[in-house]
């Protein structure tokens, strides 16, 4: 069932006219996944490779999670589901926001095919607004700082982009408080 859904997602051309490089949905999901990582949208490098989080942001994310490449990509326990499945194009200060059509079109059906899912990491403001709805705080920093309020199901995180070095240096509590709890929850959900 999940394989059929993934084939349909990967063949999707719903917002083709808005995509500067054309559609190339990038997603990884497994029926036995215990964790879903809800990111933003693939960057141009990921669009080329077709491998989710195959960039410096992904390297940083794996460090935060305390997992290696094999656990991240090949364990079948981590689903990688962006808010927008295709590269949205370049904006003035980075990539454009994820296309708004993807999550309503595909997310519910995809998450429903993963019955063991127990932890959903919401990375960045778009994922947090969509999944936490009114429960989100006034900004990303406050939402991430209040991460315990969303447990055990949701765990809000900032984007692991190298561009967020300033945010990380300005918020040392993230490394000291959030990362240890994140790694503990990831180990539990992966049954490691």
N, C-alpha and C. Protein backbone atom coordinates (compact mmCIF):
# COMPACT_ATOMS: atom_id res chain seq x y z
N UNK A 1 0.82 -1.20 0.00
CA UNK A 1 0.00 0.00 0.00
C UNK A 1 0.87 1.27 0.00
N UNK A 2 1.88 1.32 0.89
CA UNK A 2 2.73 2.51 0.93
C UNK A 2 3.51 2.66 -0.37
N UNK A 3 3.91 1.54 -0.99
CA UNK A 3 4.65 1.61 -2.24
C UNK A 3 3.81 2.23 -3.36
N UNK A 4 2.53 1.87 -3.41
CA UNK A 4 1.64 2.46 -4.41
C UNK A 4 1.49 3.97 -4.20
N UNK A 5 1.35 4.36 -2.95
CA UNK A 5 1.21 5.78 -2.64
C UNK A 5 2.48 6.54 -3.00
N UNK A 6 3.63 5.98 -2.68
CA UNK A 6 4.90 6.63 -3.03
C UNK A 6 5.06 6.75 -4.54
N UNK A 7 4.63 5.76 -5.29
CA UNK A 7 4.68 5.85 -6.76
C UNK A 7 3.80 7.01 -7.25
N UNK A 8 2.62 7.16 -6.68
CA UNK A 8 1.73 8.25 -7.08
C UNK A 8 2.33 9.61 -6.71
N UNK A 9 2.94 9.70 -5.51
CA UNK A 9 3.57 10.97 -5.11
C UNK A 9 4.72 11.30 -6.06
N UNK A 10 5.55 10.32 -6.36
CA UNK A 10 6.72 10.57 -7.21
C UNK A 10 6.33 10.90 -8.66
N UNK A 11 5.12 10.55 -9.05
CA UNK A 11 4.63 10.87 -10.39
C UNK A 11 3.81 12.17 -10.41
N UNK A 12 3.65 12.79 -9.26
CA UNK A 12 2.80 13.98 -9.15
C UNK A 12 3.36 15.15 -9.97
N UNK A 13 2.48 15.82 -10.68
CA UNK A 13 2.83 17.02 -11.44
C UNK A 13 1.84 18.14 -11.14
N UNK A 14 1.23 18.07 -9.96
CA UNK A 14 0.16 18.99 -9.59
C UNK A 14 0.54 20.46 -9.74
N UNK A 15 1.75 20.81 -9.31
CA UNK A 15 2.14 22.23 -9.38
C UNK A 15 3.29 22.45 -10.37
N UNK A 16 3.34 21.64 -11.39
CA UNK A 16 4.40 21.67 -12.40
C UNK A 16 4.68 23.07 -12.95
N UNK A 17 3.65 23.83 -13.19
CA UNK A 17 3.83 25.16 -13.80
C UNK A 17 4.53 26.15 -12.86
N UNK A 18 4.63 25.83 -11.58
CA UNK A 18 5.27 26.73 -10.61
C UNK A 18 6.71 26.34 -10.30
N UNK A 19 7.20 25.25 -10.86
CA UNK A 19 8.50 24.71 -10.50
C UNK A 19 9.55 25.02 -11.56
N UNK A 20 10.57 25.81 -11.23
CA UNK A 20 11.54 26.23 -12.24
C UNK A 20 12.36 25.07 -12.82
N UNK A 21 12.58 24.01 -12.05
CA UNK A 21 13.33 22.86 -12.55
C UNK A 21 12.42 21.68 -12.88
N UNK A 22 11.12 21.92 -12.83
CA UNK A 22 10.16 20.85 -13.11
C UNK A 22 9.94 19.97 -11.88
N UNK A 23 8.94 19.10 -11.94
CA UNK A 23 8.65 18.25 -10.80
C UNK A 23 9.68 17.12 -10.64
N UNK A 24 10.09 16.90 -9.43
CA UNK A 24 10.89 15.74 -9.05
C UNK A 24 10.64 15.53 -7.55
N UNK A 25 9.49 14.97 -7.20
CA UNK A 25 9.17 14.78 -5.79
C UNK A 25 10.21 13.90 -5.09
N UNK A 26 10.68 14.40 -3.96
CA UNK A 26 11.68 13.70 -3.16
C UNK A 26 11.05 13.36 -1.82
N UNK A 27 10.95 12.05 -1.54
CA UNK A 27 10.31 11.58 -0.31
C UNK A 27 10.83 10.18 -0.03
N UNK A 28 10.89 9.83 1.25
CA UNK A 28 11.24 8.46 1.65
C UNK A 28 10.32 8.08 2.81
N UNK A 29 9.61 6.99 2.69
CA UNK A 29 8.70 6.56 3.75
C UNK A 29 8.65 5.04 3.80
N UNK A 30 8.42 4.52 4.99
CA UNK A 30 8.44 3.08 5.21
C UNK A 30 7.33 2.71 6.17
N UNK A 31 6.68 1.60 5.90
CA UNK A 31 5.57 1.17 6.75
C UNK A 31 5.99 1.00 8.20
N UNK A 32 7.22 0.57 8.44
CA UNK A 32 7.67 0.32 9.81
C UNK A 32 8.32 1.53 10.48
N UNK A 33 8.29 2.70 9.83
CA UNK A 33 8.93 3.90 10.39
C UNK A 33 8.33 4.27 11.74
N UNK A 34 9.22 4.61 12.67
CA UNK A 34 8.80 5.10 13.98
C UNK A 34 8.91 6.61 14.07
N UNK A 35 9.64 7.20 13.11
CA UNK A 35 9.89 8.64 13.10
C UNK A 35 9.56 9.19 11.72
N UNK A 36 8.91 10.34 11.68
CA UNK A 36 8.73 11.09 10.43
C UNK A 36 9.38 12.44 10.62
N UNK A 37 10.24 12.80 9.68
CA UNK A 37 10.87 14.11 9.69
C UNK A 37 10.16 14.95 8.64
N UNK A 38 9.47 15.98 9.11
CA UNK A 38 8.74 16.87 8.22
C UNK A 38 9.60 18.11 8.01
N UNK A 39 10.24 18.19 6.85
CA UNK A 39 11.11 19.31 6.54
C UNK A 39 10.39 20.35 5.70
N UNK A 40 11.15 21.17 5.00
CA UNK A 40 10.57 22.24 4.19
C UNK A 40 10.34 21.76 2.76
N UNK A 41 11.39 21.80 1.97
CA UNK A 41 11.34 21.36 0.57
C UNK A 41 12.77 21.06 0.14
N UNK A 42 12.95 20.20 -0.84
CA UNK A 42 14.32 19.92 -1.28
C UNK A 42 14.98 21.16 -1.86
N UNK A 43 16.27 21.30 -1.60
CA UNK A 43 17.06 22.34 -2.25
C UNK A 43 17.49 21.86 -3.64
N UNK A 44 18.22 22.68 -4.33
CA UNK A 44 18.62 22.32 -5.70
C UNK A 44 19.54 21.11 -5.72
N UNK A 45 20.41 20.96 -4.71
CA UNK A 45 21.31 19.80 -4.66
C UNK A 45 20.51 18.51 -4.47
N UNK A 46 19.52 18.55 -3.58
CA UNK A 46 18.68 17.37 -3.35
C UNK A 46 17.81 17.11 -4.57
N UNK A 47 17.35 18.16 -5.24
CA UNK A 47 16.59 17.97 -6.47
C UNK A 47 17.42 17.18 -7.49
N UNK A 48 18.70 17.51 -7.59
CA UNK A 48 19.58 16.81 -8.53
C UNK A 48 19.81 15.36 -8.13
N UNK A 49 20.10 15.13 -6.84
CA UNK A 49 20.45 13.77 -6.40
C UNK A 49 19.22 12.89 -6.19
N UNK A 50 18.09 13.51 -5.83
CA UNK A 50 16.90 12.73 -5.51
C UNK A 50 16.96 12.09 -4.13
N UNK A 51 17.99 12.44 -3.34
CA UNK A 51 18.17 11.86 -2.00
C UNK A 51 17.84 12.93 -0.96
N UNK A 52 16.80 12.70 -0.13
CA UNK A 52 16.42 13.71 0.86
C UNK A 52 17.55 14.02 1.83
N UNK A 53 17.69 15.27 2.19
CA UNK A 53 18.66 15.72 3.19
C UNK A 53 20.10 15.36 2.80
N UNK A 54 20.37 15.31 1.49
CA UNK A 54 21.70 14.99 0.97
C UNK A 54 22.48 16.29 0.76
N UNK A 55 22.71 17.00 1.86
CA UNK A 55 23.37 18.30 1.79
C UNK A 55 23.90 18.64 3.18
N UNK A 56 24.56 19.79 3.35
CA UNK A 56 25.09 20.15 4.68
C UNK A 56 24.00 20.22 5.77
N UNK A 57 22.79 20.64 5.40
CA UNK A 57 21.69 20.66 6.38
C UNK A 57 21.41 19.25 6.88
N UNK A 58 21.43 18.28 5.98
CA UNK A 58 21.19 16.90 6.36
C UNK A 58 22.29 16.35 7.26
N UNK A 59 23.53 16.75 6.99
CA UNK A 59 24.63 16.31 7.85
C UNK A 59 24.43 16.84 9.27
N UNK A 60 24.05 18.11 9.37
CA UNK A 60 23.80 18.69 10.69
C UNK A 60 22.61 18.03 11.37
N UNK A 61 21.56 17.75 10.61
CA UNK A 61 20.39 17.10 11.18
C UNK A 61 20.75 15.73 11.75
N UNK A 62 21.54 14.95 11.02
CA UNK A 62 21.94 13.63 11.53
C UNK A 62 22.75 13.75 12.82
N UNK A 63 23.58 14.79 12.93
CA UNK A 63 24.31 15.02 14.19
C UNK A 63 23.33 15.31 15.32
N UNK A 64 22.37 16.19 15.06
CA UNK A 64 21.38 16.51 16.09
C UNK A 64 20.64 15.26 16.55
N UNK A 65 20.28 14.39 15.59
CA UNK A 65 19.51 13.19 15.91
C UNK A 65 20.36 12.12 16.59
N UNK A 66 21.68 12.20 16.40
CA UNK A 66 22.57 11.18 16.93
C UNK A 66 22.52 9.89 16.13
N UNK A 67 22.32 10.01 14.81
CA UNK A 67 22.26 8.83 13.94
C UNK A 67 23.30 8.96 12.84
N UNK A 68 23.72 7.82 12.31
CA UNK A 68 24.65 7.84 11.18
C UNK A 68 23.86 7.75 9.87
N UNK A 69 24.58 7.82 8.76
CA UNK A 69 23.91 7.81 7.44
C UNK A 69 23.10 6.53 7.24
N UNK A 70 23.66 5.40 7.65
CA UNK A 70 22.94 4.13 7.46
C UNK A 70 21.64 4.10 8.26
N UNK A 71 21.68 4.53 9.51
CA UNK A 71 20.45 4.57 10.31
C UNK A 71 19.44 5.53 9.71
N UNK A 72 19.92 6.64 9.20
CA UNK A 72 19.04 7.67 8.65
C UNK A 72 18.37 7.22 7.36
N UNK A 73 19.16 6.62 6.47
CA UNK A 73 18.65 6.29 5.14
C UNK A 73 18.21 4.84 4.96
N UNK A 74 18.83 3.91 5.67
CA UNK A 74 18.62 2.50 5.33
C UNK A 74 17.94 1.67 6.41
N UNK A 75 17.65 2.26 7.55
CA UNK A 75 17.04 1.47 8.62
C UNK A 75 15.56 1.20 8.38
N UNK A 76 14.94 2.03 7.52
CA UNK A 76 13.50 1.90 7.31
C UNK A 76 12.69 2.44 8.47
N UNK A 77 13.36 3.07 9.42
CA UNK A 77 12.68 3.57 10.61
C UNK A 77 12.48 5.08 10.60
N UNK A 78 13.04 5.76 9.62
CA UNK A 78 12.91 7.21 9.53
C UNK A 78 12.31 7.59 8.19
N UNK A 79 11.12 8.18 8.22
CA UNK A 79 10.47 8.68 7.01
C UNK A 79 10.88 10.13 6.81
N UNK A 80 11.16 10.50 5.58
CA UNK A 80 11.61 11.85 5.24
C UNK A 80 10.57 12.48 4.33
N UNK A 81 9.76 13.36 4.91
CA UNK A 81 8.57 13.88 4.24
C UNK A 81 8.61 15.41 4.27
N UNK A 82 8.96 16.05 3.17
CA UNK A 82 8.97 17.51 3.17
C UNK A 82 7.57 18.10 3.05
N UNK A 83 7.43 19.35 3.45
CA UNK A 83 6.16 20.05 3.27
C UNK A 83 5.84 20.21 1.79
N UNK A 84 6.87 20.48 1.01
CA UNK A 84 6.75 20.53 -0.46
C UNK A 84 7.73 19.51 -1.02
N UNK A 85 7.26 18.60 -1.86
CA UNK A 85 8.10 17.50 -2.31
C UNK A 85 9.10 17.89 -3.39
N UNK A 86 8.89 19.02 -4.05
CA UNK A 86 9.76 19.43 -5.16
C UNK A 86 10.49 20.73 -4.83
N UNK A 87 11.62 20.92 -5.48
CA UNK A 87 12.40 22.15 -5.32
C UNK A 87 11.55 23.33 -5.80
N UNK A 88 11.30 24.33 -4.92
CA UNK A 88 10.39 25.42 -5.28
C UNK A 88 11.05 26.56 -6.05
N UNK A 89 12.37 26.60 -6.12
CA UNK A 89 13.06 27.69 -6.80
C UNK A 89 13.75 28.61 -5.81
N UNK A 90 14.50 29.55 -6.35
CA UNK A 90 15.30 30.47 -5.57
C UNK A 90 14.55 31.76 -5.33
N UNK A 91 14.64 32.27 -4.10
CA UNK A 91 14.08 33.57 -3.76
C UNK A 91 15.19 34.57 -3.53
N UNK A 92 14.86 35.72 -2.97
CA UNK A 92 15.87 36.76 -2.74
C UNK A 92 16.89 36.36 -1.67
N UNK A 93 16.44 35.65 -0.64
CA UNK A 93 17.37 35.32 0.47
C UNK A 93 17.39 33.82 0.73
N UNK A 94 17.41 33.04 -0.33
CA UNK A 94 17.41 31.58 -0.18
C UNK A 94 16.33 30.97 -1.04
N UNK A 95 16.03 29.72 -0.77
CA UNK A 95 15.00 29.04 -1.56
C UNK A 95 13.62 29.61 -1.23
N UNK A 96 12.72 29.50 -2.19
CA UNK A 96 11.33 29.91 -1.98
C UNK A 96 10.67 28.97 -0.97
N UNK A 97 9.54 29.38 -0.40
CA UNK A 97 8.82 28.49 0.52
C UNK A 97 8.34 27.24 -0.20
N UNK A 98 8.08 26.17 0.56
CA UNK A 98 7.53 24.96 -0.06
C UNK A 98 6.20 25.28 -0.73
N UNK A 99 5.92 24.60 -1.82
CA UNK A 99 4.62 24.77 -2.48
C UNK A 99 3.52 24.37 -1.50
N UNK A 100 2.47 25.15 -1.40
CA UNK A 100 1.42 24.88 -0.41
C UNK A 100 0.50 23.71 -0.75
N UNK A 101 0.56 23.21 -1.99
CA UNK A 101 -0.36 22.14 -2.39
C UNK A 101 0.01 20.77 -1.82
N UNK A 102 1.30 20.51 -1.62
CA UNK A 102 1.77 19.16 -1.30
C UNK A 102 1.23 18.59 0.01
N UNK A 103 1.41 19.32 1.08
CA UNK A 103 1.02 18.76 2.39
C UNK A 103 -0.46 18.39 2.43
N UNK A 104 -1.39 19.28 2.04
CA UNK A 104 -2.79 18.89 2.07
C UNK A 104 -3.12 17.74 1.11
N UNK A 105 -2.39 17.67 0.02
CA UNK A 105 -2.65 16.66 -0.99
C UNK A 105 -2.16 15.27 -0.57
N UNK A 106 -1.02 15.20 0.13
CA UNK A 106 -0.38 13.91 0.34
C UNK A 106 -0.08 13.51 1.80
N UNK A 107 0.12 14.45 2.69
CA UNK A 107 0.64 14.10 4.02
C UNK A 107 -0.24 13.14 4.81
N UNK A 108 -1.51 13.42 4.92
CA UNK A 108 -2.37 12.57 5.75
C UNK A 108 -2.34 11.13 5.26
N UNK A 109 -2.51 10.94 3.97
CA UNK A 109 -2.50 9.59 3.41
C UNK A 109 -1.17 8.90 3.68
N UNK A 110 -0.08 9.65 3.54
CA UNK A 110 1.24 9.07 3.74
C UNK A 110 1.45 8.69 5.21
N UNK A 111 1.14 9.57 6.12
CA UNK A 111 1.32 9.26 7.55
C UNK A 111 0.42 8.11 7.98
N UNK A 112 -0.74 8.00 7.38
CA UNK A 112 -1.66 6.90 7.73
C UNK A 112 -1.12 5.53 7.32
N UNK A 113 -0.15 5.49 6.41
CA UNK A 113 0.41 4.20 5.99
C UNK A 113 1.55 3.74 6.92
N UNK A 114 1.82 4.53 7.97
CA UNK A 114 2.91 4.20 8.89
C UNK A 114 2.35 4.01 10.30
N UNK A 115 1.82 2.83 10.59
CA UNK A 115 1.12 2.61 11.87
C UNK A 115 2.02 2.64 13.11
N UNK A 116 3.33 2.48 12.95
CA UNK A 116 4.24 2.49 14.11
C UNK A 116 4.78 3.88 14.42
N UNK A 117 4.38 4.86 13.64
CA UNK A 117 4.88 6.22 13.80
C UNK A 117 4.58 6.73 15.20
N UNK A 118 5.63 7.17 15.92
CA UNK A 118 5.40 7.71 17.25
C UNK A 118 6.04 9.06 17.48
N UNK A 119 6.91 9.50 16.59
CA UNK A 119 7.57 10.79 16.75
C UNK A 119 7.59 11.52 15.41
N UNK A 120 7.08 12.75 15.41
CA UNK A 120 7.07 13.57 14.20
C UNK A 120 7.90 14.82 14.49
N UNK A 121 9.03 14.94 13.79
CA UNK A 121 9.89 16.11 13.94
C UNK A 121 9.44 17.16 12.95
N UNK A 122 9.05 18.32 13.45
CA UNK A 122 8.61 19.41 12.59
C UNK A 122 9.77 20.40 12.47
N UNK A 123 10.37 20.44 11.31
CA UNK A 123 11.57 21.25 11.10
C UNK A 123 11.22 22.53 10.38
N UNK A 124 11.38 23.63 11.08
CA UNK A 124 11.13 24.94 10.50
C UNK A 124 9.71 25.42 10.67
N UNK A 125 9.52 26.69 10.37
CA UNK A 125 8.25 27.36 10.61
C UNK A 125 7.09 26.80 9.79
N UNK A 126 7.34 26.37 8.55
CA UNK A 126 6.24 25.88 7.70
C UNK A 126 5.66 24.58 8.26
N UNK A 127 6.53 23.65 8.64
CA UNK A 127 6.07 22.38 9.21
C UNK A 127 5.38 22.62 10.55
N UNK A 128 5.92 23.52 11.34
CA UNK A 128 5.32 23.78 12.65
C UNK A 128 3.96 24.44 12.53
N UNK A 129 3.82 25.38 11.61
CA UNK A 129 2.51 26.02 11.41
C UNK A 129 1.48 25.00 10.95
N UNK A 130 1.87 24.09 10.09
CA UNK A 130 0.94 23.11 9.54
C UNK A 130 0.54 22.06 10.57
N UNK A 131 1.50 21.57 11.34
CA UNK A 131 1.22 20.47 12.25
C UNK A 131 0.83 20.92 13.66
N UNK A 132 1.40 22.01 14.14
CA UNK A 132 1.09 22.44 15.51
C UNK A 132 -0.09 23.39 15.54
N UNK A 133 -0.43 23.95 14.39
CA UNK A 133 -1.57 24.85 14.23
C UNK A 133 -1.55 25.96 15.28
N UNK A 134 -2.65 26.12 16.03
CA UNK A 134 -2.74 27.19 17.02
C UNK A 134 -1.84 26.93 18.23
N UNK A 135 -1.34 25.70 18.35
CA UNK A 135 -0.48 25.36 19.48
C UNK A 135 0.91 25.95 19.37
N UNK A 136 1.28 26.43 18.19
CA UNK A 136 2.60 27.04 18.02
C UNK A 136 2.67 28.38 18.73
N UNK A 137 3.85 28.73 19.13
CA UNK A 137 4.07 30.01 19.82
C UNK A 137 4.19 31.13 18.80
N UNK A 138 4.52 32.34 19.27
CA UNK A 138 4.53 33.49 18.36
C UNK A 138 5.67 33.47 17.34
N UNK A 139 6.71 32.66 17.60
CA UNK A 139 7.78 32.53 16.61
C UNK A 139 8.46 31.17 16.78
N UNK A 140 9.33 30.85 15.85
CA UNK A 140 10.01 29.55 15.85
C UNK A 140 10.83 29.35 17.12
N UNK A 141 11.55 30.36 17.56
CA UNK A 141 12.39 30.22 18.75
C UNK A 141 11.55 29.82 19.96
N UNK A 142 10.43 30.50 20.16
CA UNK A 142 9.59 30.17 21.31
C UNK A 142 8.95 28.78 21.16
N UNK A 143 8.61 28.41 19.95
CA UNK A 143 8.04 27.08 19.72
C UNK A 143 9.06 26.00 20.05
N UNK A 144 10.28 26.17 19.55
CA UNK A 144 11.33 25.18 19.81
C UNK A 144 11.65 25.14 21.30
N UNK A 145 11.71 26.29 21.93
CA UNK A 145 12.02 26.33 23.37
C UNK A 145 10.94 25.61 24.18
N UNK A 146 9.70 25.62 23.71
CA UNK A 146 8.59 24.96 24.41
C UNK A 146 8.37 23.53 23.91
N UNK A 147 9.41 22.91 23.37
CA UNK A 147 9.28 21.60 22.72
C UNK A 147 8.58 20.57 23.58
N UNK A 148 8.76 20.62 24.89
CA UNK A 148 8.15 19.62 25.78
C UNK A 148 6.61 19.64 25.72
N UNK A 149 6.05 20.80 25.41
CA UNK A 149 4.59 20.93 25.33
C UNK A 149 4.00 20.09 24.19
N UNK A 150 4.80 19.75 23.19
CA UNK A 150 4.29 19.06 22.01
C UNK A 150 4.57 17.55 22.06
N UNK A 151 5.36 17.14 23.02
CA UNK A 151 5.67 15.72 23.18
C UNK A 151 4.45 15.00 23.74
N UNK A 152 4.29 13.72 23.50
CA UNK A 152 5.26 12.81 22.92
C UNK A 152 5.22 12.71 21.39
N UNK A 153 4.23 13.30 20.74
CA UNK A 153 4.09 13.10 19.29
C UNK A 153 4.97 14.02 18.47
N UNK A 154 4.93 15.30 18.75
CA UNK A 154 5.65 16.28 17.93
C UNK A 154 6.90 16.80 18.64
N UNK A 155 7.92 17.08 17.84
CA UNK A 155 9.15 17.66 18.38
C UNK A 155 9.59 18.74 17.40
N UNK A 156 9.34 20.04 17.74
CA UNK A 156 9.70 21.13 16.84
C UNK A 156 11.21 21.43 16.88
N UNK A 157 11.77 21.69 15.71
CA UNK A 157 13.19 22.00 15.58
C UNK A 157 13.38 23.16 14.62
N UNK A 158 14.48 23.90 14.78
CA UNK A 158 14.82 24.89 13.75
C UNK A 158 15.37 24.15 12.54
N UNK A 159 15.53 24.85 11.45
CA UNK A 159 16.14 24.22 10.29
C UNK A 159 17.64 24.06 10.56
N UNK A 160 18.22 22.91 10.22
CA UNK A 160 19.65 22.69 10.49
C UNK A 160 20.59 23.32 9.46
N UNK A 161 20.11 24.25 8.69
CA UNK A 161 20.92 24.89 7.65
C UNK A 161 22.14 25.58 8.25
N UNK A 162 23.27 25.54 7.54
CA UNK A 162 24.44 26.30 7.98
C UNK A 162 24.13 27.80 8.14
N UNK A 163 23.11 28.27 7.43
CA UNK A 163 22.70 29.68 7.57
C UNK A 163 22.17 30.01 8.96
N UNK A 164 21.81 28.96 9.74
CA UNK A 164 21.26 29.18 11.07
C UNK A 164 22.32 29.18 12.17
N UNK A 165 23.59 29.30 11.80
CA UNK A 165 24.66 29.35 12.81
C UNK A 165 24.43 30.47 13.81
N UNK A 166 23.99 31.61 13.33
CA UNK A 166 23.74 32.75 14.22
C UNK A 166 22.65 32.41 15.23
N UNK A 167 21.56 31.79 14.75
CA UNK A 167 20.47 31.40 15.66
C UNK A 167 21.00 30.44 16.72
N UNK A 168 21.80 29.47 16.31
CA UNK A 168 22.33 28.48 17.25
C UNK A 168 23.25 29.13 18.28
N UNK A 169 24.08 30.07 17.86
CA UNK A 169 24.98 30.73 18.82
C UNK A 169 24.21 31.65 19.76
N UNK A 170 23.11 32.18 19.30
CA UNK A 170 22.29 33.08 20.12
C UNK A 170 21.39 32.31 21.10
N UNK A 171 21.19 31.01 20.85
CA UNK A 171 20.30 30.19 21.67
C UNK A 171 21.03 28.93 22.16
N UNK A 172 22.00 29.10 23.08
CA UNK A 172 22.79 27.94 23.53
C UNK A 172 21.96 26.88 24.25
N UNK A 173 20.80 27.25 24.74
CA UNK A 173 19.91 26.27 25.40
C UNK A 173 19.51 25.16 24.44
N UNK A 174 19.52 25.45 23.14
CA UNK A 174 19.13 24.42 22.16
C UNK A 174 20.08 23.22 22.25
N UNK A 175 21.37 23.48 22.22
CA UNK A 175 22.36 22.40 22.29
C UNK A 175 22.32 21.71 23.66
N UNK A 176 22.15 22.48 24.72
CA UNK A 176 22.20 21.92 26.07
C UNK A 176 20.93 21.21 26.52
N UNK A 177 19.76 21.70 26.10
CA UNK A 177 18.49 21.15 26.58
C UNK A 177 17.76 20.32 25.53
N UNK A 178 17.71 20.84 24.32
CA UNK A 178 16.88 20.22 23.29
C UNK A 178 17.55 18.99 22.68
N UNK A 179 18.81 19.11 22.30
CA UNK A 179 19.49 18.01 21.61
C UNK A 179 19.53 16.73 22.44
N UNK A 180 19.88 16.77 23.74
CA UNK A 180 19.87 15.51 24.51
C UNK A 180 18.49 14.84 24.55
N UNK A 181 17.44 15.64 24.70
CA UNK A 181 16.08 15.07 24.73
C UNK A 181 15.70 14.54 23.35
N UNK A 182 16.08 15.25 22.31
CA UNK A 182 15.82 14.80 20.94
C UNK A 182 16.48 13.45 20.70
N UNK A 183 17.74 13.31 21.05
CA UNK A 183 18.45 12.06 20.82
C UNK A 183 17.84 10.91 21.62
N UNK A 184 17.41 11.20 22.82
CA UNK A 184 16.74 10.17 23.63
C UNK A 184 15.45 9.71 22.96
N UNK A 185 14.64 10.65 22.50
CA UNK A 185 13.37 10.30 21.85
C UNK A 185 13.59 9.56 20.54
N UNK A 186 14.62 9.94 19.80
CA UNK A 186 14.93 9.26 18.54
C UNK A 186 15.33 7.81 18.83
N UNK A 187 16.19 7.60 19.82
CA UNK A 187 16.58 6.23 20.18
C UNK A 187 15.38 5.38 20.57
N UNK A 188 14.46 5.98 21.34
CA UNK A 188 13.26 5.25 21.76
C UNK A 188 12.39 4.88 20.56
N UNK A 189 12.18 5.85 19.67
CA UNK A 189 11.30 5.60 18.52
C UNK A 189 11.91 4.63 17.53
N UNK A 190 13.24 4.58 17.50
CA UNK A 190 13.92 3.64 16.60
C UNK A 190 14.17 2.30 17.31
N UNK A 191 13.87 2.28 18.59
CA UNK A 191 14.10 1.08 19.41
C UNK A 191 15.55 0.65 19.36
N UNK A 192 16.45 1.66 19.50
CA UNK A 192 17.89 1.42 19.47
C UNK A 192 18.40 1.27 20.90
